[in-house]
Amino acid sequence: MKKHRSGIISLSVILTEFIVFLVWGFNMGPGDEMGYGLIVIYGIMPLTALILSALLSAKNSPYFFPVGLLAILSHIFLPFFVYGSFEIGLSLCLSAIPYTVGSLIGTISNAIRNK
């Protein structure tokens, strides 16, 4: 049951993060685009992907792949909705690389814990 609880919490974190940053992006004033991009797209979203993937892979959660797919898709579509342009390569790097690093950290911690 704990595996399912962590996956459901992770899915809700990703969805809530996407909705909050989407609303914040629509309410930006002129000249706020650079700060928004630095804080959200380069900072908070990759960090969230790293932490959630480390937690889910450490617990061998069945929600590991759906949360990863949702994190990557939200990182691709958030700039599209806010800025009106796709940056697929950059968005994939900023979401897939932290998710992969987090999964490696979680897998290593799971292997050490179960040794």
Protein backbone atom coordinates (compact mmCIF):
# COMPACT_ATOMS: atom_id res chain seq x y z
CA MET A 1 0.00 0.00 0.00
CA LYS A 2 2.90 2.37 0.69
CA LYS A 3 4.13 1.95 -2.89
CA HIS A 4 0.77 3.10 -4.21
CA ARG A 5 0.53 6.00 -1.77
CA SER A 6 3.90 7.41 -2.83
CA GLY A 7 2.98 7.11 -6.50
CA ILE A 8 -0.35 8.84 -6.06
CA ILE A 9 1.28 11.62 -4.05
CA SER A 10 3.94 12.00 -6.77
CA LEU A 11 1.33 12.20 -9.51
CA SER A 12 -0.58 14.82 -7.57
CA VAL A 13 2.62 16.82 -6.96
CA ILE A 14 3.42 16.89 -10.69
CA LEU A 15 -0.15 17.87 -11.64
CA THR A 16 -0.34 20.54 -8.94
CA GLU A 17 3.05 21.90 -9.95
CA PHE A 18 1.95 22.12 -13.59
CA ILE A 19 -1.31 23.89 -12.75
CA VAL A 20 0.30 26.37 -10.33
CA PHE A 21 3.09 27.27 -12.75
CA LEU A 22 0.63 27.54 -15.63
CA VAL A 23 -1.55 30.00 -13.69
CA TRP A 24 1.56 31.91 -12.60
CA GLY A 25 2.78 31.99 -16.22
CA PHE A 26 -0.51 33.43 -17.46
CA ASN A 27 -0.41 36.17 -14.81
CA MET A 28 3.12 37.41 -15.52
CA GLY A 29 3.71 41.08 -16.10
CA PRO A 30 5.83 42.48 -18.89
CA GLY A 31 9.51 41.76 -18.31
CA ASP A 32 8.94 38.82 -15.97
CA GLU A 33 9.61 36.12 -18.55
CA MET A 34 13.29 35.68 -17.77
CA GLY A 35 12.77 35.35 -14.02
CA TYR A 36 9.90 32.93 -14.54
CA GLY A 37 12.00 30.80 -16.88
CA LEU A 38 14.98 30.73 -14.53
CA ILE A 39 12.95 29.90 -11.44
CA VAL A 40 10.42 27.46 -12.86
CA ILE A 41 11.82 25.88 -16.01
CA TYR A 42 15.49 25.74 -15.02
CA GLY A 43 15.12 25.38 -11.26
CA ILE A 44 12.01 24.00 -9.64
CA MET A 45 10.75 21.57 -12.28
CA PRO A 46 14.08 19.71 -12.80
CA LEU A 47 14.62 19.58 -9.04
CA THR A 48 11.14 18.14 -8.54
CA ALA A 49 11.77 15.51 -11.23
CA LEU A 50 15.06 14.56 -9.57
CA ILE A 51 13.57 14.20 -6.09
CA LEU A 52 10.42 12.33 -7.14
CA SER A 53 12.34 9.87 -9.33
CA ALA A 54 14.81 9.18 -6.53
CA LEU A 55 11.99 8.52 -4.07
CA LEU A 56 9.97 6.34 -6.43
CA SER A 57 12.90 4.25 -7.63
CA ALA A 58 14.12 3.77 -4.05
CA LYS A 59 10.72 2.30 -3.17
CA ASN A 60 10.37 0.27 -6.42
CA SER A 61 7.07 2.00 -7.06
CA PRO A 62 4.93 0.88 -10.01
CA TYR A 63 4.22 4.58 -10.64
CA PHE A 64 7.82 5.29 -11.62
CA PHE A 65 7.23 5.38 -15.40
CA PRO A 66 3.85 7.21 -15.37
CA VAL A 67 5.25 9.94 -13.10
CA GLY A 68 8.34 10.24 -15.30
CA LEU A 69 6.26 10.52 -18.45
CA LEU A 70 3.99 13.09 -16.83
CA ALA A 71 7.00 15.11 -15.60
CA ILE A 72 8.58 15.12 -19.05
CA LEU A 73 5.32 16.05 -20.78
CA SER A 74 4.60 18.83 -18.32
CA HIS A 75 8.09 20.20 -18.87
CA ILE A 76 7.53 20.18 -22.63
CA PHE A 77 4.05 21.70 -22.64
CA LEU A 78 4.43 24.34 -19.91
CA PRO A 79 6.71 26.58 -22.02
CA PHE A 80 4.35 26.08 -24.96
CA PHE A 81 1.33 27.28 -23.00
CA VAL A 82 3.16 30.18 -21.35
CA TYR A 83 5.51 31.36 -24.10
CA GLY A 84 3.77 29.95 -27.17
CA SER A 85 6.77 28.05 -28.51
CA PHE A 86 8.14 24.53 -28.33
CA GLU A 87 11.67 23.90 -27.09
CA ILE A 88 11.52 20.12 -27.17
CA GLY A 89 15.26 19.45 -27.02
CA LEU A 90 15.88 21.79 -24.12
CA SER A 91 12.77 20.61 -22.29
CA LEU A 92 13.78 16.97 -22.69
CA CYS A 93 17.24 17.72 -21.34
CA LEU A 94 15.84 19.65 -18.39
CA SER A 95 13.39 16.92 -17.44
CA ALA A 96 14.81 13.61 -18.67
CA ILE A 97 18.35 14.07 -17.37
CA PRO A 98 17.33 14.94 -13.78
CA TYR A 99 14.77 12.11 -13.84
CA THR A 100 17.44 9.66 -14.99
CA VAL A 101 19.95 10.87 -12.38
CA GLY A 102 17.28 10.62 -9.67
CA SER A 103 16.40 7.10 -10.74
CA LEU A 104 20.06 6.09 -10.52
CA ILE A 105 20.33 7.61 -7.05
CA GLY A 106 17.16 5.81 -5.94
CA THR A 107 18.27 2.51 -7.42
CA ILE A 108 21.66 2.74 -5.70
CA SER A 109 20.05 3.63 -2.36
CA ASN A 110 17.60 0.74 -2.75
CA ALA A 111 20.46 -1.66 -3.49
CA ILE A 112 22.41 -0.44 -0.46
CA ARG A 113 19.36 -0.63 1.78
CA ASN A 114 18.45 -4.16 0.67
CA LYS A 115 22.01 -5.49 0.85
